[in-house]
């Protein structure tokens, strides 16, 4: 991923926050069959000396047969993003020199992927993943709500994935290359939009502007 200096993000807390907040990611692998892409919700395990990203695929998915165990993989986590109109820039009215662009937050994780068939590990991973996503529910569902025999029959139908993280790269493209008044114009323009992505990007642009003041 090409990242201009102005858009680089190195803060581990912010990088991890995107992984946790936007866990449905794109897993990119390569084998003798060529490139393969899978879309998977992941869980970030930060309880060890090294960070690990965990998830699972269906046993019917040929990924675990096509891609060797301990292969290097790339996972892409996509945060808030939205279109930026030249009309948001006050300088556009003065010079006309403005073009459309896109603001976005993205995190790329590289690591070494292992396949896990141990049922206790898979059950623990599913518990962690479920607990993370059920936390905001009025009555959170848990694995224990389902009959134990039912869960035990389901576990062989999945293959666990564990990626040992080797690098995390982040790009926060939030109008940092614009003069301050254009940044303020982007914030005001996005806040006028009703869609949640525009609102979230506006908040991030505003936060970034405050931090750099």
C-alpha atoms as a PDB file:
ATOM      1  CA  UNK A   1       0.000   0.000   0.000  1.00  0.00           C
ATOM      2  CA  UNK A   2       1.460   3.338  -1.079  1.00  0.00           C
ATOM      3  CA  UNK A   3       1.137   5.786   1.810  1.00  0.00           C
ATOM      4  CA  UNK A   4       2.191   9.429   1.426  1.00  0.00           C
ATOM      5  CA  UNK A   5       3.951  10.698   4.532  1.00  0.00           C
ATOM      6  CA  UNK A   6       1.055  12.959   5.532  1.00  0.00           C
ATOM      7  CA  UNK A   7      -1.336   9.988   5.662  1.00  0.00           C
ATOM      8  CA  UNK A   8       0.814   7.522   7.596  1.00  0.00           C
ATOM      9  CA  UNK A   9      -0.575   6.201  10.883  1.00  0.00           C
ATOM     10  CA  UNK A  10       1.788   4.630  13.421  1.00  0.00           C
ATOM     11  CA  UNK A  11      -0.201   4.742  16.659  1.00  0.00           C
ATOM     12  CA  UNK A  12      -0.705   1.084  17.714  1.00  0.00           C
ATOM     13  CA  UNK A  13      -3.821   1.935  19.736  1.00  0.00           C
ATOM     14  CA  UNK A  14      -5.518   3.570  16.726  1.00  0.00           C
ATOM     15  CA  UNK A  15      -4.493   0.752  14.393  1.00  0.00           C
ATOM     16  CA  UNK A  16      -5.862  -1.880  16.764  1.00  0.00           C
ATOM     17  CA  UNK A  17      -9.048   0.122  17.299  1.00  0.00           C
ATOM     18  CA  UNK A  18      -9.875  -0.142  13.568  1.00  0.00           C
ATOM     19  CA  UNK A  19      -9.281  -3.901  13.665  1.00  0.00           C
ATOM     20  CA  UNK A  20     -11.633  -4.266  16.644  1.00  0.00           C
ATOM     21  CA  UNK A  21     -14.277  -1.795  15.439  1.00  0.00           C
ATOM     22  CA  UNK A  22     -14.320  -2.982  11.811  1.00  0.00           C
ATOM     23  CA  UNK A  23     -13.490  -6.709  12.159  1.00  0.00           C
ATOM     24  CA  UNK A  24     -15.053  -7.906   8.894  1.00  0.00           C
ATOM     25  CA  UNK A  25     -11.919  -7.975   6.764  1.00  0.00           C
ATOM     26  CA  UNK A  26     -10.500  -9.167   3.450  1.00  0.00           C
ATOM     27  CA  UNK A  27      -8.043 -12.062   3.702  1.00  0.00           C
ATOM     28  CA  UNK A  28      -5.702 -12.218   0.704  1.00  0.00           C
ATOM     29  CA  UNK A  29      -3.659 -15.367   0.088  1.00  0.00           C
ATOM     30  CA  UNK A  30      -1.560 -16.873  -2.697  1.00  0.00           C
ATOM     31  CA  UNK A  31      -1.015 -20.463  -3.745  1.00  0.00           C
ATOM     32  CA  UNK A  32      -0.317 -22.536  -6.849  1.00  0.00           C
ATOM     33  CA  UNK A  33      -3.919 -21.750  -7.829  1.00  0.00           C
ATOM     34  CA  UNK A  34      -3.113 -18.021  -7.786  1.00  0.00           C
ATOM     35  CA  UNK A  35      -4.552 -15.239  -5.669  1.00  0.00           C
ATOM     36  CA  UNK A  36      -7.512 -16.007  -3.434  1.00  0.00           C
ATOM     37  CA  UNK A  37      -9.701 -13.631  -1.449  1.00  0.00           C
ATOM     38  CA  UNK A  38     -11.967 -14.463   1.478  1.00  0.00           C
ATOM     39  CA  UNK A  39     -14.116 -12.144   3.594  1.00  0.00           C
ATOM     40  CA  UNK A  40     -13.974 -13.070   7.260  1.00  0.00           C
ATOM     41  CA  UNK A  41     -14.790 -11.524  10.657  1.00  0.00           C
ATOM     42  CA  UNK A  42     -11.661 -11.593  12.814  1.00  0.00           C
ATOM     43  CA  UNK A  43     -10.840 -11.351  16.503  1.00  0.00           C
ATOM     44  CA  UNK A  44      -7.716  -9.527  17.668  1.00  0.00           C
ATOM     45  CA  UNK A  45      -5.992 -11.451  20.467  1.00  0.00           C
ATOM     46  CA  UNK A  46      -3.732  -9.090  22.413  1.00  0.00           C
ATOM     47  CA  UNK A  47      -3.287 -11.315  25.465  1.00  0.00           C
ATOM     48  CA  UNK A  48       0.121 -12.689  24.503  1.00  0.00           C
ATOM     49  CA  UNK A  49       3.600 -11.292  23.851  1.00  0.00           C
ATOM     50  CA  UNK A  50       2.774 -11.186  20.136  1.00  0.00           C
ATOM     51  CA  UNK A  51      -0.504 -10.095  18.559  1.00  0.00           C
ATOM     52  CA  UNK A  52      -2.590 -12.736  16.820  1.00  0.00           C
ATOM     53  CA  UNK A  53      -5.661 -12.397  14.619  1.00  0.00           C
ATOM     54  CA  UNK A  54      -8.107 -15.281  14.800  1.00  0.00           C
ATOM     55  CA  UNK A  55     -11.076 -16.411  12.747  1.00  0.00           C
ATOM     56  CA  UNK A  56     -12.463 -19.415  10.953  1.00  0.00           C
ATOM     57  CA  UNK A  57     -13.657 -20.733   7.617  1.00  0.00           C
ATOM     58  CA  UNK A  58     -16.009 -23.552   6.688  1.00  0.00           C
ATOM     59  CA  UNK A  59     -14.343 -26.937   6.292  1.00  0.00           C
ATOM     60  CA  UNK A  60     -15.879 -26.969   2.803  1.00  0.00           C
ATOM     61  CA  UNK A  61     -13.808 -23.896   1.905  1.00  0.00           C
ATOM     62  CA  UNK A  62     -10.777 -25.181  -0.073  1.00  0.00           C
ATOM     63  CA  UNK A  63      -8.544 -22.410   1.309  1.00  0.00           C
ATOM     64  CA  UNK A  64      -6.990 -24.663   3.960  1.00  0.00           C
ATOM     65  CA  UNK A  65      -6.135 -27.242   1.288  1.00  0.00           C
ATOM     66  CA  UNK A  66      -4.929 -24.807  -1.391  1.00  0.00           C
ATOM     67  CA  UNK A  67      -2.801 -22.505   0.766  1.00  0.00           C
ATOM     68  CA  UNK A  68       0.015 -24.077   2.761  1.00  0.00           C
ATOM     69  CA  UNK A  69       0.054 -23.896   6.526  1.00  0.00           C
ATOM     70  CA  UNK A  70       2.438 -21.155   7.783  1.00  0.00           C
ATOM     71  CA  UNK A  71       1.963 -19.126   4.589  1.00  0.00           C
ATOM     72  CA  UNK A  72       2.343 -15.344   4.602  1.00  0.00           C
ATOM     73  CA  UNK A  73      -0.998 -13.589   4.203  1.00  0.00           C
ATOM     74  CA  UNK A  74      -2.393 -10.062   4.024  1.00  0.00           C
ATOM     75  CA  UNK A  75      -5.533  -8.913   5.826  1.00  0.00           C
ATOM     76  CA  UNK A  76      -7.195  -5.611   4.905  1.00  0.00           C
ATOM     77  CA  UNK A  77      -9.404  -3.835   7.444  1.00  0.00           C
ATOM     78  CA  UNK A  78     -11.452  -0.975   6.006  1.00  0.00           C
ATOM     79  CA  UNK A  79     -12.547   1.826   8.344  1.00  0.00           C
ATOM     80  CA  UNK A  80     -14.842   4.790   7.613  1.00  0.00           C
ATOM     81  CA  UNK A  81     -14.635   6.221   4.112  1.00  0.00           C
ATOM     82  CA  UNK A  82     -16.562   8.650   1.931  1.00  0.00           C
ATOM     83  CA  UNK A  83     -16.484  10.815  -1.193  1.00  0.00           C
ATOM     84  CA  UNK A  84     -15.053  14.335  -0.932  1.00  0.00           C
ATOM     85  CA  UNK A  85     -16.541  16.904  -3.307  1.00  0.00           C
ATOM     86  CA  UNK A  86     -14.487  19.870  -4.560  1.00  0.00           C
ATOM     87  CA  UNK A  87     -17.442  21.978  -3.434  1.00  0.00           C
ATOM     88  CA  UNK A  88     -16.281  21.469   0.148  1.00  0.00           C
ATOM     89  CA  UNK A  89     -13.148  23.536  -0.569  1.00  0.00           C
ATOM     90  CA  UNK A  90     -13.440  27.332  -0.194  1.00  0.00           C
ATOM     91  CA  UNK A  91     -10.390  27.673  -2.492  1.00  0.00           C
ATOM     92  CA  UNK A  92     -12.388  26.088  -5.328  1.00  0.00           C
ATOM     93  CA  UNK A  93     -14.488  29.252  -5.614  1.00  0.00           C
ATOM     94  CA  UNK A  94     -11.335  31.339  -5.980  1.00  0.00           C
ATOM     95  CA  UNK A  95      -9.208  29.358  -8.401  1.00  0.00           C
ATOM     96  CA  UNK A  96     -11.338  26.465  -9.659  1.00  0.00           C
ATOM     97  CA  UNK A  97      -8.311  24.238  -9.065  1.00  0.00           C
ATOM     98  CA  UNK A  98      -9.912  21.302  -7.250  1.00  0.00           C
ATOM     99  CA  UNK A  99     -10.853  17.735  -8.103  1.00  0.00           C
ATOM    100  CA  UNK A 100     -12.915  15.063  -6.330  1.00  0.00           C
ATOM    101  CA  UNK A 101     -11.198  12.623  -3.999  1.00  0.00           C
ATOM    102  CA  UNK A 102     -11.958  10.017  -1.336  1.00  0.00           C
ATOM    103  CA  UNK A 103     -11.170  10.097   2.366  1.00  0.00           C
ATOM    104  CA  UNK A 104     -10.663   6.776   4.109  1.00  0.00           C
ATOM    105  CA  UNK A 105      -9.037   4.809   6.888  1.00  0.00           C
ATOM    106  CA  UNK A 106      -7.414   1.457   6.115  1.00  0.00           C
ATOM    107  CA  UNK A 107      -5.236  -0.992   8.024  1.00  0.00           C
ATOM    108  CA  UNK A 108      -3.131  -3.700   6.387  1.00  0.00           C
ATOM    109  CA  UNK A 109      -1.959  -6.596   8.526  1.00  0.00           C
ATOM    110  CA  UNK A 110       0.702  -9.019   7.344  1.00  0.00           C
ATOM    111  CA  UNK A 111       1.288 -12.265   9.150  1.00  0.00           C
ATOM    112  CA  UNK A 112       1.856 -15.999   9.075  1.00  0.00           C
ATOM    113  CA  UNK A 113      -1.330 -18.076   8.985  1.00  0.00           C
ATOM    114  CA  UNK A 114      -1.823 -21.393  10.755  1.00  0.00           C
ATOM    115  CA  UNK A 115      -4.787 -23.744  10.483  1.00  0.00           C
ATOM    116  CA  UNK A 116      -6.236 -24.925  13.779  1.00  0.00           C
ATOM    117  CA  UNK A 117      -8.282 -28.136  14.030  1.00  0.00           C
ATOM    118  CA  UNK A 118      -8.289 -28.434  17.822  1.00  0.00           C
ATOM    119  CA  UNK A 119     -11.910 -28.231  18.962  1.00  0.00           C
ATOM    120  CA  UNK A 120     -11.153 -26.568  22.298  1.00  0.00           C
ATOM    121  CA  UNK A 121      -9.240 -23.803  20.495  1.00  0.00           C
ATOM    122  CA  UNK A 122     -12.063 -23.314  17.996  1.00  0.00           C
ATOM    123  CA  UNK A 123     -14.649 -23.141  20.765  1.00  0.00           C
ATOM    124  CA  UNK A 124     -12.610 -20.533  22.643  1.00  0.00           C
ATOM    125  CA  UNK A 125     -12.158 -18.476  19.461  1.00  0.00           C
ATOM    126  CA  UNK A 126     -15.892 -18.531  18.738  1.00  0.00           C
ATOM    127  CA  UNK A 127     -16.600 -17.504  22.344  1.00  0.00           C
ATOM    128  CA  UNK A 128     -14.248 -14.531  22.002  1.00  0.00           C
ATOM    129  CA  UNK A 129     -15.644 -13.492  18.626  1.00  0.00           C
ATOM    130  CA  UNK A 130     -19.236 -13.846  19.805  1.00  0.00           C
ATOM    131  CA  UNK A 131     -18.667 -11.984  23.061  1.00  0.00           C
ATOM    132  CA  UNK A 132     -17.136  -9.074  21.157  1.00  0.00           C
ATOM    133  CA  UNK A 133     -20.120  -8.693  18.852  1.00  0.00           C
ATOM    134  CA  UNK A 134     -22.857  -9.471  21.347  1.00  0.00           C
ATOM    135  CA  UNK A 135     -21.560  -6.934  23.865  1.00  0.00           C
ATOM    136  CA  UNK A 136     -23.911  -4.208  22.628  1.00  0.00           C
ATOM    137  CA  UNK A 137     -27.019  -6.375  22.432  1.00  0.00           C
ATOM    138  CA  UNK A 138     -29.832  -5.914  24.998  1.00  0.00           C
ATOM    139  CA  UNK A 139     -29.651  -9.623  25.859  1.00  0.00           C
ATOM    140  CA  UNK A 140     -26.270 -10.909  24.643  1.00  0.00           C
ATOM    141  CA  UNK A 141     -26.307 -14.388  23.167  1.00  0.00           C
ATOM    142  CA  UNK A 142     -23.562 -16.802  24.213  1.00  0.00           C
ATOM    143  CA  UNK A 143     -22.413 -20.237  23.121  1.00  0.00           C
ATOM    144  CA  UNK A 144     -23.894 -21.682  26.308  1.00  0.00           C
ATOM    145  CA  UNK A 145     -27.384 -20.678  25.084  1.00  0.00           C
ATOM    146  CA  UNK A 146     -27.218 -23.458  22.487  1.00  0.00           C
ATOM    147  CA  UNK A 147     -27.308 -27.163  23.414  1.00  0.00           C
ATOM    148  CA  UNK A 148     -23.783 -28.435  24.031  1.00  0.00           C
ATOM    149  CA  UNK A 149     -24.279 -31.467  21.790  1.00  0.00           C
ATOM    150  CA  UNK A 150     -25.357 -29.137  18.960  1.00  0.00           C
ATOM    151  CA  UNK A 151     -22.198 -27.009  19.298  1.00  0.00           C
ATOM    152  CA  UNK A 152     -19.993 -30.092  19.448  1.00  0.00           C
ATOM    153  CA  UNK A 153     -21.496 -31.281  16.166  1.00  0.00           C
ATOM    154  CA  UNK A 154     -20.919 -27.867  14.553  1.00  0.00           C
ATOM    155  CA  UNK A 155     -17.231 -27.526  15.487  1.00  0.00           C
ATOM    156  CA  UNK A 156     -15.936 -30.099  12.940  1.00  0.00           C
ATOM    157  CA  UNK A 157     -17.607 -28.009  10.213  1.00  0.00           C
ATOM    158  CA  UNK A 158     -15.080 -25.184  10.646  1.00  0.00           C
ATOM    159  CA  UNK A 159     -11.314 -24.770  10.426  1.00  0.00           C
ATOM    160  CA  UNK A 160      -9.676 -22.251  12.742  1.00  0.00           C
ATOM    161  CA  UNK A 161      -7.364 -19.564  11.380  1.00  0.00           C
ATOM    162  CA  UNK A 162      -4.666 -17.934  13.466  1.00  0.00           C
ATOM    163  CA  UNK A 163      -2.445 -15.274  11.956  1.00  0.00           C
ATOM    164  CA  UNK A 164       0.695 -14.302  13.848  1.00  0.00           C
ATOM    165  CA  UNK A 165       1.058 -10.590  13.105  1.00  0.00           C
ATOM    166  CA  UNK A 166       4.395  -9.545  11.614  1.00  0.00           C
ATOM    167  CA  UNK A 167       3.497  -5.967  10.611  1.00  0.00           C
ATOM    168  CA  UNK A 168       0.605  -3.515  10.754  1.00  0.00           C
ATOM    169  CA  UNK A 169       0.390  -0.556   8.361  1.00  0.00           C
ATOM    170  CA  UNK A 170      -2.208   2.185   8.539  1.00  0.00           C
ATOM    171  CA  UNK A 171      -3.345   4.934   6.203  1.00  0.00           C
ATOM    172  CA  UNK A 172      -5.505   7.785   7.532  1.00  0.00           C
ATOM    173  CA  UNK A 173      -6.312   9.861   4.420  1.00  0.00           C
ATOM    174  CA  UNK A 174      -8.248  12.686   6.041  1.00  0.00           C
ATOM    175  CA  UNK A 175      -7.586  15.823   3.969  1.00  0.00           C
ATOM    176  CA  UNK A 176      -4.217  16.455   5.659  1.00  0.00           C
ATOM    177  CA  UNK A 177      -2.862  17.658   2.300  1.00  0.00           C
ATOM    178  CA  UNK A 178      -5.335  20.557   2.207  1.00  0.00           C
ATOM    179  CA  UNK A 179      -4.955  24.058   3.705  1.00  0.00           C
ATOM    180  CA  UNK A 180      -6.737  24.625   7.007  1.00  0.00           C
ATOM    181  CA  UNK A 181      -9.744  26.415   5.537  1.00  0.00           C
ATOM    182  CA  UNK A 182     -10.364  23.575   3.090  1.00  0.00           C
ATOM    183  CA  UNK A 183     -10.139  21.083   5.970  1.00  0.00           C
ATOM    184  CA  UNK A 184     -12.771  23.125   7.818  1.00  0.00           C
ATOM    185  CA  UNK A 185     -14.863  23.140   4.645  1.00  0.00           C
ATOM    186  CA  UNK A 186     -14.629  19.340   4.415  1.00  0.00           C
ATOM    187  CA  UNK A 187     -15.714  18.966   8.039  1.00  0.00           C
ATOM    188  CA  UNK A 188     -18.708  21.299   7.574  1.00  0.00           C
ATOM    189  CA  UNK A 189     -19.695  19.705   4.269  1.00  0.00           C
ATOM    190  CA  UNK A 190     -19.555  16.137   5.569  1.00  0.00           C
ATOM    191  CA  UNK A 191     -21.496  16.966   8.718  1.00  0.00           C
ATOM    192  CA  UNK A 192     -24.340  18.134   6.463  1.00  0.00           C
ATOM    193  CA  UNK A 193     -24.620  14.647   4.972  1.00  0.00           C
ATOM    194  CA  UNK A 194     -26.941  12.251   6.726  1.00  0.00           C
ATOM    195  CA  UNK A 195     -25.069   8.990   6.007  1.00  0.00           C
ATOM    196  CA  UNK A 196     -23.073   7.521   8.882  1.00  0.00           C
ATOM    197  CA  UNK A 197     -19.829   7.160   6.935  1.00  0.00           C
ATOM    198  CA  UNK A 198     -19.706  10.885   6.148  1.00  0.00           C
ATOM    199  CA  UNK A 199     -20.428  11.690   9.779  1.00  0.00           C
ATOM    200  CA  UNK A 200     -17.667   9.375  11.003  1.00  0.00           C
ATOM    201  CA  UNK A 201     -15.131  10.728   8.512  1.00  0.00           C
ATOM    202  CA  UNK A 202     -16.049  14.295   9.473  1.00  0.00           C
ATOM    203  CA  UNK A 203     -15.362  13.419  13.094  1.00  0.00           C
ATOM    204  CA  UNK A 204     -11.991  11.890  12.222  1.00  0.00           C
ATOM    205  CA  UNK A 205     -10.979  14.865  10.066  1.00  0.00           C
ATOM    206  CA  UNK A 206     -11.968  17.198  12.891  1.00  0.00           C
ATOM    207  CA  UNK A 207     -10.054  15.155  15.465  1.00  0.00           C
ATOM    208  CA  UNK A 208      -6.973  15.094  13.253  1.00  0.00           C
ATOM    209  CA  UNK A 209      -7.188  18.875  12.738  1.00  0.00           C
ATOM    210  CA  UNK A 210      -7.394  19.448  16.508  1.00  0.00           C
ATOM    211  CA  UNK A 211      -4.408  17.180  17.180  1.00  0.00           C
ATOM    212  CA  UNK A 212      -2.215  19.012  14.694  1.00  0.00           C
ATOM    213  CA  UNK A 213      -3.107  22.504  15.862  1.00  0.00           C
END
